[in-house]
PDB file of N, CA and C in Angstrom:
ATOM      1  N   ALA A   1      15.707 -11.430 -16.289  1.00  0.00           N
ATOM      2  CA  ALA A   1      15.975 -10.982 -14.935  1.00  0.00           C
ATOM      3  C   ALA A   1      14.736 -10.297 -14.384  1.00  0.00           C
ATOM      4  N   ASP A   2      14.612 -10.347 -13.086  1.00  0.00           N
ATOM      5  CA  ASP A   2      13.473  -9.711 -12.442  1.00  0.00           C
ATOM      6  C   ASP A   2      13.687  -8.202 -12.348  1.00  0.00           C
ATOM      7  N   VAL A   3      12.598  -7.480 -12.369  1.00  0.00           N
ATOM      8  CA  VAL A   3      12.600  -6.025 -12.235  1.00  0.00           C
ATOM      9  C   VAL A   3      11.719  -5.682 -11.043  1.00  0.00           C
ATOM     10  N   HIS A   4      12.146  -4.710 -10.247  1.00  0.00           N
ATOM     11  CA  HIS A   4      11.379  -4.286  -9.072  1.00  0.00           C
ATOM     12  C   HIS A   4      10.948  -2.835  -9.266  1.00  0.00           C
ATOM     13  N   LEU A   5       9.692  -2.549  -8.951  1.00  0.00           N
ATOM     14  CA  LEU A   5       9.127  -1.222  -9.120  1.00  0.00           C
ATOM     15  C   LEU A   5       8.418  -0.828  -7.830  1.00  0.00           C
ATOM     16  N   ALA A   6       8.772   0.325  -7.272  1.00  0.00           N
ATOM     17  CA  ALA A   6       8.102   0.849  -6.079  1.00  0.00           C
ATOM     18  C   ALA A   6       6.991   1.796  -6.523  1.00  0.00           C
ATOM     19  N   VAL A   7       5.787   1.570  -6.008  1.00  0.00           N
ATOM     20  CA  VAL A   7       4.634   2.409  -6.337  1.00  0.00           C
ATOM     21  C   VAL A   7       4.002   2.885  -5.031  1.00  0.00           C
ATOM     22  N   ASP A   8       3.940   4.208  -4.854  1.00  0.00           N
ATOM     23  CA  ASP A   8       3.274   4.780  -3.682  1.00  0.00           C
ATOM     24  C   ASP A   8       1.823   5.040  -4.011  1.00  0.00           C
ATOM     25  N   LEU A   9       0.930   4.397  -3.274  1.00  0.00           N
ATOM     26  CA  LEU A   9      -0.504   4.562  -3.474  1.00  0.00           C
ATOM     27  C   LEU A   9      -1.019   5.701  -2.607  1.00  0.00           C
ATOM     28  N   PRO A  10      -1.985   6.467  -3.111  1.00  0.00           N
ATOM     29  CA  PRO A  10      -2.642   7.439  -2.244  1.00  0.00           C
ATOM     30  C   PRO A  10      -3.357   6.692  -1.110  1.00  0.00           C
ATOM     31  N   LEU A  11      -3.466   7.308   0.042  1.00  0.00           N
ATOM     32  CA  LEU A  11      -4.074   6.677   1.208  1.00  0.00           C
ATOM     33  C   LEU A  11      -5.467   6.132   0.903  1.00  0.00           C
ATOM     34  N   GLY A  12      -6.290   6.932   0.245  1.00  0.00           N
ATOM     35  CA  GLY A  12      -7.652   6.507  -0.068  1.00  0.00           C
ATOM     36  C   GLY A  12      -7.693   5.262  -0.942  1.00  0.00           C
ATOM     37  N   MET A  13      -6.783   5.158  -1.889  1.00  0.00           N
ATOM     38  CA  MET A  13      -6.749   3.980  -2.759  1.00  0.00           C
ATOM     39  C   MET A  13      -6.308   2.746  -1.988  1.00  0.00           C
ATOM     40  N   ALA A  14      -5.339   2.906  -1.091  1.00  0.00           N
ATOM     41  CA  ALA A  14      -4.885   1.768  -0.295  1.00  0.00           C
ATOM     42  C   ALA A  14      -6.016   1.249   0.596  1.00  0.00           C
ATOM     43  N   VAL A  15      -6.823   2.153   1.120  1.00  0.00           N
ATOM     44  CA  VAL A  15      -7.907   1.760   2.014  1.00  0.00           C
ATOM     45  C   VAL A  15      -9.094   1.189   1.237  1.00  0.00           C
ATOM     46  N   LEU A  16      -9.515   1.887   0.183  1.00  0.00           N
ATOM     47  CA  LEU A  16     -10.741   1.532  -0.530  1.00  0.00           C
ATOM     48  C   LEU A  16     -10.539   0.655  -1.754  1.00  0.00           C
ATOM     49  N   GLY A  17      -9.313   0.585  -2.261  1.00  0.00           N
ATOM     50  CA  GLY A  17      -9.048  -0.158  -3.487  1.00  0.00           C
ATOM     51  C   GLY A  17      -9.200   0.743  -4.696  1.00  0.00           C
ATOM     52  N   GLY A  18      -8.857   0.230  -5.842  1.00  0.00           N
ATOM     53  CA  GLY A  18      -8.938   1.004  -7.078  1.00  0.00           C
ATOM     54  C   GLY A  18      -8.038   0.416  -8.138  1.00  0.00           C
ATOM     55  N   GLU A  19      -7.604   1.270  -9.036  1.00  0.00           N
ATOM     56  CA  GLU A  19      -6.703   0.845 -10.107  1.00  0.00           C
ATOM     57  C   GLU A  19      -5.538   1.816 -10.202  1.00  0.00           C
ATOM     58  N   VAL A  20      -4.377   1.283 -10.547  1.00  0.00           N
ATOM     59  CA  VAL A  20      -3.187   2.100 -10.735  1.00  0.00           C
ATOM     60  C   VAL A  20      -2.526   1.677 -12.048  1.00  0.00           C
ATOM     61  N   THR A  21      -2.065   2.662 -12.813  1.00  0.00           N
ATOM     62  CA  THR A  21      -1.370   2.385 -14.064  1.00  0.00           C
ATOM     63  C   THR A  21       0.127   2.479 -13.810  1.00  0.00           C
ATOM     64  N   ILE A  22       0.848   1.429 -14.216  1.00  0.00           N
ATOM     65  CA  ILE A  22       2.290   1.379 -13.990  1.00  0.00           C
ATOM     66  C   ILE A  22       3.015   1.227 -15.318  1.00  0.00           C
ATOM     67  N   PRO A  23       4.261   1.691 -15.367  1.00  0.00           N
ATOM     68  CA  PRO A  23       5.065   1.463 -16.567  1.00  0.00           C
ATOM     69  C   PRO A  23       5.660   0.063 -16.532  1.00  0.00           C
ATOM     70  N   THR A  24       5.690  -0.590 -17.688  1.00  0.00           N
ATOM     71  CA  THR A  24       6.387  -1.871 -17.818  1.00  0.00           C
ATOM     72  C   THR A  24       7.325  -1.742 -19.004  1.00  0.00           C
ATOM     73  N   LEU A  25       8.145  -2.740 -19.237  1.00  0.00           N
ATOM     74  CA  LEU A  25       9.046  -2.707 -20.386  1.00  0.00           C
ATOM     75  C   LEU A  25       8.279  -2.811 -21.700  1.00  0.00           C
ATOM     76  N   ASP A  26       7.034  -3.297 -21.645  1.00  0.00           N
ATOM     77  CA  ASP A  26       6.204  -3.453 -22.838  1.00  0.00           C
ATOM     78  C   ASP A  26       5.152  -2.361 -22.973  1.00  0.00           C
ATOM     79  N   GLY A  27       5.215  -1.327 -22.151  1.00  0.00           N
ATOM     80  CA  GLY A  27       4.205  -0.268 -22.163  1.00  0.00           C
ATOM     81  C   GLY A  27       3.493  -0.222 -20.820  1.00  0.00           C
ATOM     82  N   GLU A  28       2.443   0.585 -20.748  1.00  0.00           N
ATOM     83  CA  GLU A  28       1.719   0.731 -19.492  1.00  0.00           C
ATOM     84  C   GLU A  28       0.781  -0.441 -19.238  1.00  0.00           C
ATOM     85  N   GLU A  29       0.562  -0.713 -17.970  1.00  0.00           N
ATOM     86  CA  GLU A  29      -0.351  -1.778 -17.563  1.00  0.00           C
ATOM     87  C   GLU A  29      -1.153  -1.277 -16.361  1.00  0.00           C
ATOM     88  N   THR A  30      -2.433  -1.597 -16.333  1.00  0.00           N
ATOM     89  CA  THR A  30      -3.294  -1.196 -15.232  1.00  0.00           C
ATOM     90  C   THR A  30      -3.490  -2.372 -14.286  1.00  0.00           C
ATOM     91  N   LEU A  31      -3.231  -2.123 -13.004  1.00  0.00           N
ATOM     92  CA  LEU A  31      -3.386  -3.154 -11.980  1.00  0.00           C
ATOM     93  C   LEU A  31      -4.529  -2.784 -11.056  1.00  0.00           C
ATOM     94  N   LYS A  32      -5.260  -3.807 -10.609  1.00  0.00           N
ATOM     95  CA  LYS A  32      -6.294  -3.584  -9.603  1.00  0.00           C
ATOM     96  C   LYS A  32      -5.631  -3.605  -8.234  1.00  0.00           C
ATOM     97  N   VAL A  33      -5.974  -2.626  -7.424  1.00  0.00           N
ATOM     98  CA  VAL A  33      -5.471  -2.545  -6.057  1.00  0.00           C
ATOM     99  C   VAL A  33      -6.592  -3.018  -5.145  1.00  0.00           C
ATOM    100  N   LYS A  34      -6.319  -4.031  -4.342  1.00  0.00           N
ATOM    101  CA  LYS A  34      -7.337  -4.581  -3.449  1.00  0.00           C
ATOM    102  C   LYS A  34      -7.592  -3.642  -2.276  1.00  0.00           C
ATOM    103  N   GLN A  35      -8.822  -3.648  -1.817  1.00  0.00           N
ATOM    104  CA  GLN A  35      -9.205  -2.892  -0.633  1.00  0.00           C
ATOM    105  C   GLN A  35      -8.348  -3.332   0.543  1.00  0.00           C
ATOM    106  N   GLY A  36      -7.827  -2.376   1.294  1.00  0.00           N
ATOM    107  CA  GLY A  36      -7.015  -2.700   2.466  1.00  0.00           C
ATOM    108  C   GLY A  36      -5.585  -3.080   2.164  1.00  0.00           C
ATOM    109  N   THR A  37      -5.060  -2.665   1.008  1.00  0.00           N
ATOM    110  CA  THR A  37      -3.672  -2.976   0.652  1.00  0.00           C
ATOM    111  C   THR A  37      -2.726  -2.334   1.663  1.00  0.00           C
ATOM    112  N   GLN A  38      -1.821  -3.135   2.209  1.00  0.00           N
ATOM    113  CA  GLN A  38      -0.883  -2.679   3.230  1.00  0.00           C
ATOM    114  C   GLN A  38       0.444  -2.258   2.599  1.00  0.00           C
ATOM    115  N   PRO A  39       1.144  -1.294   3.230  1.00  0.00           N
ATOM    116  CA  PRO A  39       2.484  -0.944   2.754  1.00  0.00           C
ATOM    117  C   PRO A  39       3.368  -2.183   2.778  1.00  0.00           C
ATOM    118  N   GLY A  40       4.178  -2.351   1.761  1.00  0.00           N
ATOM    119  CA  GLY A  40       5.061  -3.510   1.680  1.00  0.00           C
ATOM    120  C   GLY A  40       4.468  -4.676   0.908  1.00  0.00           C
ATOM    121  N   THR A  41       3.187  -4.562   0.522  1.00  0.00           N
ATOM    122  CA  THR A  41       2.562  -5.614  -0.276  1.00  0.00           C
ATOM    123  C   THR A  41       3.246  -5.660  -1.640  1.00  0.00           C
ATOM    124  N   THR A  42       3.551  -6.854  -2.121  1.00  0.00           N
ATOM    125  CA  THR A  42       4.186  -7.013  -3.429  1.00  0.00           C
ATOM    126  C   THR A  42       3.257  -7.784  -4.355  1.00  0.00           C
ATOM    127  N   TYR A  43       3.135  -7.278  -5.578  1.00  0.00           N
ATOM    128  CA  TYR A  43       2.337  -7.931  -6.615  1.00  0.00           C
ATOM    129  C   TYR A  43       3.291  -8.267  -7.755  1.00  0.00           C
ATOM    130  N   SER A  44       3.263  -9.495  -8.241  1.00  0.00           N
ATOM    131  CA  SER A  44       4.200  -9.918  -9.284  1.00  0.00           C
ATOM    132  C   SER A  44       3.493 -10.155 -10.613  1.00  0.00           C
ATOM    133  N   LEU A  45       4.115  -9.665 -11.673  1.00  0.00           N
ATOM    134  CA  LEU A  45       3.628  -9.885 -13.033  1.00  0.00           C
ATOM    135  C   LEU A  45       4.631 -10.800 -13.730  1.00  0.00           C
ATOM    136  N   ARG A  46       4.205 -12.036 -13.959  1.00  0.00           N
ATOM    137  CA  ARG A  46       5.097 -13.020 -14.586  1.00  0.00           C
ATOM    138  C   ARG A  46       5.414 -12.636 -16.029  1.00  0.00           C
ATOM    139  N   GLY A  47       6.690 -12.788 -16.378  1.00  0.00           N
ATOM    140  CA  GLY A  47       7.122 -12.566 -17.747  1.00  0.00           C
ATOM    141  C   GLY A  47       7.185 -11.110 -18.174  1.00  0.00           C
ATOM    142  N   LYS A  48       7.086 -10.177 -17.222  1.00  0.00           N
ATOM    143  CA  LYS A  48       7.131  -8.746 -17.563  1.00  0.00           C
ATOM    144  C   LYS A  48       8.470  -8.105 -17.211  1.00  0.00           C
ATOM    145  N   GLY A  49       9.465  -8.936 -16.886  1.00  0.00           N
ATOM    146  CA  GLY A  49      10.794  -8.423 -16.560  1.00  0.00           C
ATOM    147  C   GLY A  49      11.690  -8.375 -17.788  1.00  0.00           C
ATOM    148  N   ILE A  50      12.981  -8.448 -17.553  1.00  0.00           N
ATOM    149  CA  ILE A  50      13.986  -8.370 -18.608  1.00  0.00           C
ATOM    150  C   ILE A  50      14.258  -9.774 -19.146  1.00  0.00           C
ATOM    151  N   THR A  51      14.509  -9.860 -20.452  1.00  0.00           N
ATOM    152  CA  THR A  51      14.840 -11.146 -21.071  1.00  0.00           C
ATOM    153  C   THR A  51      16.089 -11.714 -20.404  1.00  0.00           C
ATOM    154  N   ARG A  52      16.026 -12.968 -20.050  1.00  0.00           N
ATOM    155  CA  ARG A  52      17.147 -13.628 -19.377  1.00  0.00           C
ATOM    156  C   ARG A  52      18.313 -13.827 -20.344  1.00  0.00           C
ATOM    157  N   LEU A  53      19.475 -13.981 -19.776  1.00  0.00           N
ATOM    158  CA  LEU A  53      20.689 -14.215 -20.548  1.00  0.00           C
ATOM    159  C   LEU A  53      20.495 -15.426 -21.450  1.00  0.00           C
ATOM    160  N   HIS A  54      20.931 -15.347 -22.667  1.00  0.00           N
ATOM    161  CA  HIS A  54      20.818 -16.393 -23.669  1.00  0.00           C
ATOM    162  C   HIS A  54      19.359 -16.599 -24.105  1.00  0.00           C
ATOM    163  N   GLY A  55      18.503 -15.614 -23.837  1.00  0.00           N
ATOM    164  CA  GLY A  55      17.129 -15.636 -24.337  1.00  0.00           C
ATOM    165  C   GLY A  55      16.228 -16.706 -23.777  1.00  0.00           C
ATOM    166  N   ARG A  56      16.463 -17.159 -22.584  1.00  0.00           N
ATOM    167  CA  ARG A  56      15.647 -18.230 -21.997  1.00  0.00           C
ATOM    168  C   ARG A  56      14.520 -17.653 -21.151  1.00  0.00           C
ATOM    169  N   GLY A  57      13.563 -17.045 -21.793  1.00  0.00           N
ATOM    170  CA  GLY A  57      12.402 -16.494 -21.094  1.00  0.00           C
ATOM    171  C   GLY A  57      12.675 -15.124 -20.502  1.00  0.00           C
ATOM    172  N   LYS A  58      11.668 -14.611 -19.866  1.00  0.00           N
ATOM    173  CA  LYS A  58      11.769 -13.297 -19.241  1.00  0.00           C
ATOM    174  C   LYS A  58      11.583 -13.424 -17.738  1.00  0.00           C
ATOM    175  N   GLY A  59      12.179 -12.476 -17.033  1.00  0.00           N
ATOM    176  CA  GLY A  59      11.989 -12.416 -15.588  1.00  0.00           C
ATOM    177  C   GLY A  59      10.620 -11.823 -15.266  1.00  0.00           C
ATOM    178  N   ASP A  60      10.386 -11.603 -14.002  1.00  0.00           N
ATOM    179  CA  ASP A  60       9.117 -11.063 -13.549  1.00  0.00           C
ATOM    180  C   ASP A  60       9.267  -9.603 -13.140  1.00  0.00           C
ATOM    181  N   LEU A  61       8.136  -8.889 -13.128  1.00  0.00           N
ATOM    182  CA  LEU A  61       8.084  -7.518 -12.630  1.00  0.00           C
ATOM    183  C   LEU A  61       7.411  -7.583 -11.263  1.00  0.00           C
ATOM    184  N   HIS A  62       8.124  -7.153 -10.229  1.00  0.00           N
ATOM    185  CA  HIS A  62       7.594  -7.162  -8.865  1.00  0.00           C
ATOM    186  C   HIS A  62       7.249  -5.719  -8.482  1.00  0.00           C
ATOM    187  N   VAL A  63       5.977  -5.482  -8.226  1.00  0.00           N
ATOM    188  CA  VAL A  63       5.496  -4.152  -7.858  1.00  0.00           C
ATOM    189  C   VAL A  63       5.334  -4.121  -6.339  1.00  0.00           C
ATOM    190  N   ASN A  64       6.100  -3.244  -5.686  1.00  0.00           N
ATOM    191  CA  ASN A  64       6.062  -3.129  -4.229  1.00  0.00           C
ATOM    192  C   ASN A  64       5.285  -1.871  -3.863  1.00  0.00           C
ATOM    193  N   TYR A  65       4.145  -2.075  -3.185  1.00  0.00           N
ATOM    194  CA  TYR A  65       3.285  -0.950  -2.835  1.00  0.00           C
ATOM    195  C   TYR A  65       3.717  -0.288  -1.532  1.00  0.00           C
ATOM    196  N   GLY A  66       3.759   1.028  -1.581  1.00  0.00           N
ATOM    197  CA  GLY A  66       3.884   1.860  -0.391  1.00  0.00           C
ATOM    198  C   GLY A  66       2.590   2.646  -0.280  1.00  0.00           C
ATOM    199  N   VAL A  67       2.419   3.375   0.792  1.00  0.00           N
ATOM    200  CA  VAL A  67       1.227   4.204   0.963  1.00  0.00           C
ATOM    201  C   VAL A  67       1.684   5.630   1.242  1.00  0.00           C
ATOM    202  N   ARG A  68       1.179   6.543   0.442  1.00  0.00           N
ATOM    203  CA  ARG A  68       1.512   7.955   0.571  1.00  0.00           C
ATOM    204  C   ARG A  68       0.596   8.575   1.632  1.00  0.00           C
ATOM    205  N   ILE A  69       1.173   8.961   2.762  1.00  0.00           N
ATOM    206  CA  ILE A  69       0.421   9.594   3.841  1.00  0.00           C
ATOM    207  C   ILE A  69       0.488  11.104   3.609  1.00  0.00           C
ATOM    208  N   PRO A  70      -0.670  11.760   3.524  1.00  0.00           N
ATOM    209  CA  PRO A  70      -0.647  13.202   3.261  1.00  0.00           C
ATOM    210  C   PRO A  70      -0.022  13.983   4.424  1.00  0.00           C
ATOM    211  N   THR A  71       0.742  15.008   4.091  1.00  0.00           N
ATOM    212  CA  THR A  71       1.348  15.860   5.114  1.00  0.00           C
ATOM    213  C   THR A  71       0.510  17.105   5.352  1.00  0.00           C
ATOM    214  N   ARG A  72      -0.335  17.439   4.410  1.00  0.00           N
ATOM    215  CA  ARG A  72      -1.240  18.581   4.550  1.00  0.00           C
ATOM    216  C   ARG A  72      -2.639  18.135   4.189  1.00  0.00           C
ATOM    217  N   LEU A  73      -3.594  18.534   5.003  1.00  0.00           N
ATOM    218  CA  LEU A  73      -4.983  18.181   4.759  1.00  0.00           C
ATOM    219  C   LEU A  73      -5.826  19.451   4.668  1.00  0.00           C
ATOM    220  N   THR A  74      -6.850  19.387   3.846  1.00  0.00           N
ATOM    221  CA  THR A  74      -7.829  20.460   3.848  1.00  0.00           C
ATOM    222  C   THR A  74      -8.654  20.311   5.129  1.00  0.00           C
ATOM    223  N   ALA A  75      -9.416  21.327   5.448  1.00  0.00           N
ATOM    224  CA  ALA A  75     -10.265  21.260   6.646  1.00  0.00           C
ATOM    225  C   ALA A  75     -11.232  20.085   6.541  1.00  0.00           C
ATOM    226  N   ARG A  76     -11.787  19.849   5.363  1.00  0.00           N
ATOM    227  CA  ARG A  76     -12.736  18.748   5.168  1.00  0.00           C
ATOM    228  C   ARG A  76     -12.047  17.392   5.319  1.00  0.00           C
ATOM    229  N   GLN A  77     -10.846  17.254   4.753  1.00  0.00           N
ATOM    230  CA  GLN A  77     -10.110  16.000   4.878  1.00  0.00           C
ATOM    231  C   GLN A  77      -9.775  15.722   6.344  1.00  0.00           C
ATOM    232  N   ARG A  78      -9.372  16.753   7.057  1.00  0.00           N
ATOM    233  CA  ARG A  78      -9.059  16.585   8.488  1.00  0.00           C
ATOM    234  C   ARG A  78     -10.300  16.138   9.254  1.00  0.00           C
ATOM    235  N   GLU A  79     -11.426  16.766   8.962  1.00  0.00           N
ATOM    236  CA  GLU A  79     -12.688  16.411   9.614  1.00  0.00           C
ATOM    237  C   GLU A  79     -13.034  14.939   9.354  1.00  0.00           C
ATOM    238  N   LEU A  80     -12.895  14.517   8.109  1.00  0.00           N
ATOM    239  CA  LEU A  80     -13.199  13.123   7.765  1.00  0.00           C
ATOM    240  C   LEU A  80     -12.238  12.154   8.450  1.00  0.00           C
ATOM    241  N   MET A  81     -10.950  12.501   8.512  1.00  0.00           N
ATOM    242  CA  MET A  81      -9.980  11.632   9.165  1.00  0.00           C
ATOM    243  C   MET A  81     -10.250  11.543  10.671  1.00  0.00           C
ATOM    244  N   GLU A  82     -10.675  12.633  11.282  1.00  0.00           N
ATOM    245  CA  GLU A  82     -11.007  12.603  12.703  1.00  0.00           C
ATOM    246  C   GLU A  82     -12.225  11.722  12.954  1.00  0.00           C
ATOM    247  N   GLU A  83     -13.210  11.807  12.066  1.00  0.00           N
ATOM    248  CA  GLU A  83     -14.381  10.930  12.184  1.00  0.00           C
ATOM    249  C   GLU A  83     -13.960   9.471  12.038  1.00  0.00           C
ATOM    250  N   PHE A  84     -13.098   9.205  11.088  1.00  0.00           N
ATOM    251  CA  PHE A  84     -12.607   7.845  10.872  1.00  0.00           C
ATOM    252  C   PHE A  84     -11.874   7.345  12.117  1.00  0.00           C
ATOM    253  N   ARG A  85     -11.023   8.179  12.670  1.00  0.00           N
ATOM    254  CA  ARG A  85     -10.261   7.798  13.868  1.00  0.00           C
ATOM    255  C   ARG A  85     -11.204   7.431  15.013  1.00  0.00           C
ATOM    256  N   GLU A  86     -12.271   8.185  15.159  1.00  0.00           N
ATOM    257  CA  GLU A  86     -13.246   7.901  16.217  1.00  0.00           C
ATOM    258  C   GLU A  86     -13.895   6.534  16.029  1.00  0.00           C
ATOM    259  N   THR A  87     -14.128   6.141  14.785  1.00  0.00           N
ATOM    260  CA  THR A  87     -14.742   4.832  14.533  1.00  0.00           C
ATOM    261  C   THR A  87     -13.761   3.698  14.788  1.00  0.00           C
ATOM    262  N   GLU A  88     -12.470   4.010  14.803  1.00  0.00           N
ATOM    263  CA  GLU A  88     -11.448   2.992  15.094  1.00  0.00           C
ATOM    264  C   GLU A  88     -11.272   2.785  16.587  1.00  0.00           C
ATOM    265  N   GLY A  89     -11.844   3.644  17.396  1.00  0.00           N
ATOM    266  CA  GLY A  89     -11.714   3.487  18.841  1.00  0.00           C
ATOM    267  C   GLY A  89     -10.816   4.534  19.460  1.00  0.00           C
ATOM    268  N   GLY A  90     -10.682   5.692  18.830  1.00  0.00           N
ATOM    269  CA  GLY A  90      -9.919   6.779  19.424  1.00  0.00           C
ATOM    270  C   GLY A  90      -8.451   6.732  19.106  1.00  0.00           C
ATOM    271  N   SER A  91      -7.648   7.263  20.030  1.00  0.00           N
ATOM    272  CA  SER A  91      -6.233   7.475  19.745  1.00  0.00           C
ATOM    273  C   SER A  91      -5.381   6.231  19.830  1.00  0.00           C
ATOM    274  N   GLY A  92      -5.807   5.188  20.535  1.00  0.00           N
ATOM    275  CA  GLY A  92      -4.932   4.024  20.626  1.00  0.00           C
ATOM    276  C   GLY A  92      -5.680   2.712  20.644  1.00  0.00           C
ATOM    277  N   GLY A  93      -6.998   2.749  20.450  1.00  0.00           N
ATOM    278  CA  GLY A  93      -7.761   1.530  20.611  1.00  0.00           C
ATOM    279  C   GLY A  93      -7.947   0.724  19.359  1.00  0.00           C
ATOM    280  N   GLY A  94      -7.674   1.300  18.202  1.00  0.00           N
ATOM    281  CA  GLY A  94      -7.900   0.576  16.956  1.00  0.00           C
ATOM    282  C   GLY A  94      -6.726  -0.304  16.613  1.00  0.00           C
ATOM    283  N   LYS A  95      -6.870  -1.066  15.527  1.00  0.00           N
ATOM    284  CA  LYS A  95      -5.751  -1.872  15.044  1.00  0.00           C
ATOM    285  C   LYS A  95      -4.592  -0.938  14.741  1.00  0.00           C
ATOM    286  N   GLY A  96      -3.422  -1.375  15.031  1.00  0.00           N
ATOM    287  CA  GLY A  96      -2.252  -0.552  14.772  1.00  0.00           C
ATOM    288  C   GLY A  96      -1.905   0.314  15.967  1.00  0.00           C
ATOM    289  N   GLY A  97      -2.803   0.445  16.924  1.00  0.00           N
ATOM    290  CA  GLY A  97      -2.521   1.180  18.140  1.00  0.00           C
ATOM    291  C   GLY A  97      -1.745   0.280  19.082  1.00  0.00           C
ATOM    292  N   ALA A  98      -1.444   0.805  20.241  1.00  0.00           N
ATOM    293  CA  ALA A  98      -0.713   0.017  21.229  1.00  0.00           C
ATOM    294  C   ALA A  98      -1.707  -0.845  21.990  1.00  0.00           C
ATOM    295  N   GLY A  99      -2.119  -1.939  21.385  1.00  0.00           N
ATOM    296  CA  GLY A  99      -3.076  -2.832  22.017  1.00  0.00           C
ATOM    297  C   GLY A  99      -2.369  -4.022  22.621  1.00  0.00           C
ATOM    298  N   GLY A 100      -3.118  -5.001  23.045  1.00  0.00           N
ATOM    299  CA  GLY A 100      -2.555  -6.222  23.586  1.00  0.00           C
ATOM    300  C   GLY A 100      -1.870  -6.005  24.919  1.00  0.00           C
ATOM    301  N   LEU A 101      -1.015  -6.938  25.287  1.00  0.00           N
ATOM    302  CA  LEU A 101      -0.341  -6.920  26.572  1.00  0.00           C
ATOM    303  C   LEU A 101       0.474  -5.653  26.780  1.00  0.00           C
ATOM    304  N   PHE A 102       1.305  -5.291  25.804  1.00  0.00           N
ATOM    305  CA  PHE A 102       2.164  -4.132  25.957  1.00  0.00           C
ATOM    306  C   PHE A 102       1.358  -2.838  26.055  1.00  0.00           C
ATOM    307  N   GLY A 103       0.283  -2.741  25.269  1.00  0.00           N
ATOM    308  CA  GLY A 103      -0.577  -1.573  25.357  1.00  0.00           C
ATOM    309  C   GLY A 103      -1.177  -1.427  26.736  1.00  0.00           C
ATOM    310  N   ARG A 104      -1.636  -2.531  27.325  1.00  0.00           N
ATOM    311  CA  ARG A 104      -2.225  -2.487  28.662  1.00  0.00           C
ATOM    312  C   ARG A 104      -1.159  -2.135  29.701  1.00  0.00           C
ATOM    313  N   MET A 105       0.051  -2.640  29.522  1.00  0.00           N
ATOM    314  CA  MET A 105       1.126  -2.347  30.484  1.00  0.00           C
ATOM    315  C   MET A 105       1.428  -0.861  30.511  1.00  0.00           C
ATOM    316  N   PHE A 106       1.521  -0.254  29.338  1.00  0.00           N
ATOM    317  CA  PHE A 106       1.912   1.153  29.274  1.00  0.00           C
ATOM    318  C   PHE A 106       0.759   2.103  29.567  1.00  0.00           C
ATOM    319  N   ARG A 107      -0.475   1.620  29.456  1.00  0.00           N
ATOM    320  CA  ARG A 107      -1.622   2.435  29.825  1.00  0.00           C
ATOM    321  C   ARG A 107      -1.958   2.253  31.296  1.00  0.00           C
ATOM    322  N   GLY A 108      -1.287   1.313  31.934  1.00  0.00           N
ATOM    323  CA  GLY A 108      -1.495   1.079  33.342  1.00  0.00           C
ATOM    324  C   GLY A 108      -2.749   0.255  33.638  1.00  0.00           C
ATOM    325  N   LYS A 109      -3.209  -0.560  32.707  1.00  0.00           N
ATOM    326  CA  LYS A 109      -4.404  -1.378  32.926  1.00  0.00           C
ATOM    327  C   LYS A 109      -4.020  -2.826  33.025  1.00  0.00           C
TER     328      LYS A 109
END
């Protein structure tokens, strides 16, 4: 049978990539996290699930990534995030902002 595991990545790891160690039924396993990993991304490990009924192989382990957004920042972290926001085009101009037709409608442009 398949097994599902939710893993919350730190914001920096989701943006820059890295490695995360997860528990499996066979022990720990280290996975590479790709740069720019989005919340809801699923990574599957074949044969790392539960043995199927009557012993016909094993299911898969599906790792579903979330992103942990910090609720408190140090002064330095806040400064860096503000600099990052400026490089994205300010408060609404970057990807994920209210762009496109609807963004222009609500901004009055």
